[in-house]
Amino acid sequence: MRMHKYRLEILTMVAIAAFCMVFLYTSSISRDTVFAGTDSIAAAKISESSGTSAKEIQPLIPQWVPPSGEIESTLFALQAAIGGMFIGGVFGYWIGQKKKV
């Protein structure tokens, strides 16, 4: 029996579709929830269990806060572009290796 030519692509699409279905299902369950980062959730849980206020908790590694929202979104877009180039390079390499044979 011959292996399917597009097996990796089909598996990738199935994984993306499953992720989208799970995300849509979980986001449609509760409309009143607010998405919070893990830092704020962890600080709330620590302050709840230790009896201290969340403002007294100091992070182990200080974080840099961008001076404005525009700089933050620019850095996020740059990060996404670099990640997209990396993923495109990996897929391009794979396709090149397939065509080379």
Protein backbone atom coordinates (compact mmCIF):
# COMPACT_ATOMS: atom_id res chain seq x y z
CA MET A 1 0.00 0.00 0.00
CA ARG A 2 1.39 3.37 -1.03
CA MET A 3 1.83 6.07 1.64
CA HIS A 4 -0.31 9.12 1.09
CA LYS A 5 1.63 11.94 -0.55
CA TYR A 6 0.25 14.70 1.67
CA ARG A 7 0.18 12.90 5.02
CA LEU A 8 2.05 15.64 6.96
CA GLU A 9 -0.11 18.39 5.47
CA ILE A 10 -3.32 16.51 6.32
CA LEU A 11 -2.19 15.88 9.89
CA THR A 12 -1.27 19.55 10.28
CA MET A 13 -4.68 20.66 9.01
CA VAL A 14 -6.45 18.21 11.34
CA ALA A 15 -4.43 19.53 14.31
CA ILE A 16 -5.24 23.16 13.39
CA ALA A 17 -8.94 22.33 12.94
CA ALA A 18 -9.03 20.52 16.31
CA PHE A 19 -7.36 23.49 18.03
CA CYS A 20 -9.84 25.91 16.44
CA MET A 21 -12.82 23.79 17.48
CA VAL A 22 -11.58 23.53 21.08
CA PHE A 23 -10.89 27.28 21.20
CA LEU A 24 -14.30 28.17 19.79
CA TYR A 25 -16.03 25.75 22.16
CA THR A 26 -14.28 27.04 25.27
CA SER A 27 -14.75 30.68 24.29
CA SER A 28 -18.48 30.15 23.66
CA ILE A 29 -19.10 28.47 27.05
CA SER A 30 -18.57 31.50 29.27
CA ARG A 31 -19.19 35.02 28.08
CA ASP A 32 -18.54 36.75 31.43
CA THR A 33 -14.91 35.69 31.87
CA VAL A 34 -12.05 38.11 31.42
CA PHE A 35 -8.86 36.80 29.90
CA ALA A 36 -6.02 37.39 32.32
CA GLY A 37 -2.36 36.59 32.08
CA THR A 38 -0.70 33.93 34.18
CA ASP A 39 1.19 36.56 36.15
CA SER A 40 -1.97 38.19 37.48
CA ILE A 41 -3.67 34.85 38.13
CA ALA A 42 -0.60 33.51 39.97
CA ALA A 43 -0.31 36.69 42.04
CA ALA A 44 -3.97 36.43 43.01
CA LYS A 45 -3.60 32.78 44.03
CA ILE A 46 -0.43 33.47 46.04
CA SER A 47 -1.97 36.43 47.83
CA GLU A 48 -5.10 34.37 48.52
CA SER A 49 -3.14 31.51 50.07
CA SER A 50 -0.54 33.57 51.95
CA GLY A 51 -2.73 36.41 53.12
CA THR A 52 -0.57 39.16 51.58
CA SER A 53 -1.72 41.71 49.06
CA ALA A 54 -0.90 41.21 45.40
CA LYS A 55 1.05 44.51 45.34
CA GLU A 56 3.55 43.19 47.88
CA ILE A 57 4.55 40.25 45.68
CA GLN A 58 7.72 40.95 43.71
CA PRO A 59 8.65 38.94 40.60
CA LEU A 60 11.89 36.96 40.65
CA ILE A 61 12.98 38.45 37.33
CA PRO A 62 12.09 42.12 36.75
CA GLN A 63 10.22 42.71 33.51
CA TRP A 64 10.74 45.60 31.12
CA VAL A 65 7.58 47.53 30.37
CA PRO A 66 7.50 49.30 26.99
CA PRO A 67 7.00 53.08 27.23
CA SER A 68 3.89 53.07 25.01
CA GLY A 69 1.34 50.75 23.46
CA GLU A 70 2.65 51.47 19.96
CA ILE A 71 6.10 50.18 20.86
CA GLU A 72 4.58 47.11 22.47
CA SER A 73 2.51 46.29 19.38
CA THR A 74 5.53 46.94 17.12
CA LEU A 75 7.64 44.50 19.13
CA PHE A 76 4.83 41.95 19.00
CA ALA A 77 4.55 42.34 15.20
CA LEU A 78 8.33 41.97 14.87
CA GLN A 79 8.23 38.80 16.95
CA ALA A 80 5.43 37.41 14.76
CA ALA A 81 7.37 38.27 11.58
CA ILE A 82 10.53 36.55 12.80
CA GLY A 83 8.52 33.48 13.80
CA GLY A 84 6.80 33.43 10.41
CA MET A 85 10.14 33.62 8.62
CA PHE A 86 11.49 30.76 10.72
CA ILE A 87 8.46 28.56 10.06
CA GLY A 88 8.54 29.46 6.35
CA GLY A 89 12.23 28.57 6.20
CA VAL A 90 11.61 25.18 7.80
CA PHE A 91 8.75 24.35 5.43
CA GLY A 92 10.79 25.64 2.48
CA TYR A 93 13.68 23.42 3.48
CA TRP A 94 11.38 20.39 3.74
CA ILE A 95 9.84 21.08 0.33
CA GLY A 96 13.29 21.58 -1.16
CA GLN A 97 14.47 18.27 0.26
CA LYS A 98 11.42 16.50 -1.19
CA LYS A 99 11.99 17.98 -4.66
CA LYS A 100 15.70 17.20 -4.54
CA VAL A 101 15.11 13.45 -4.39
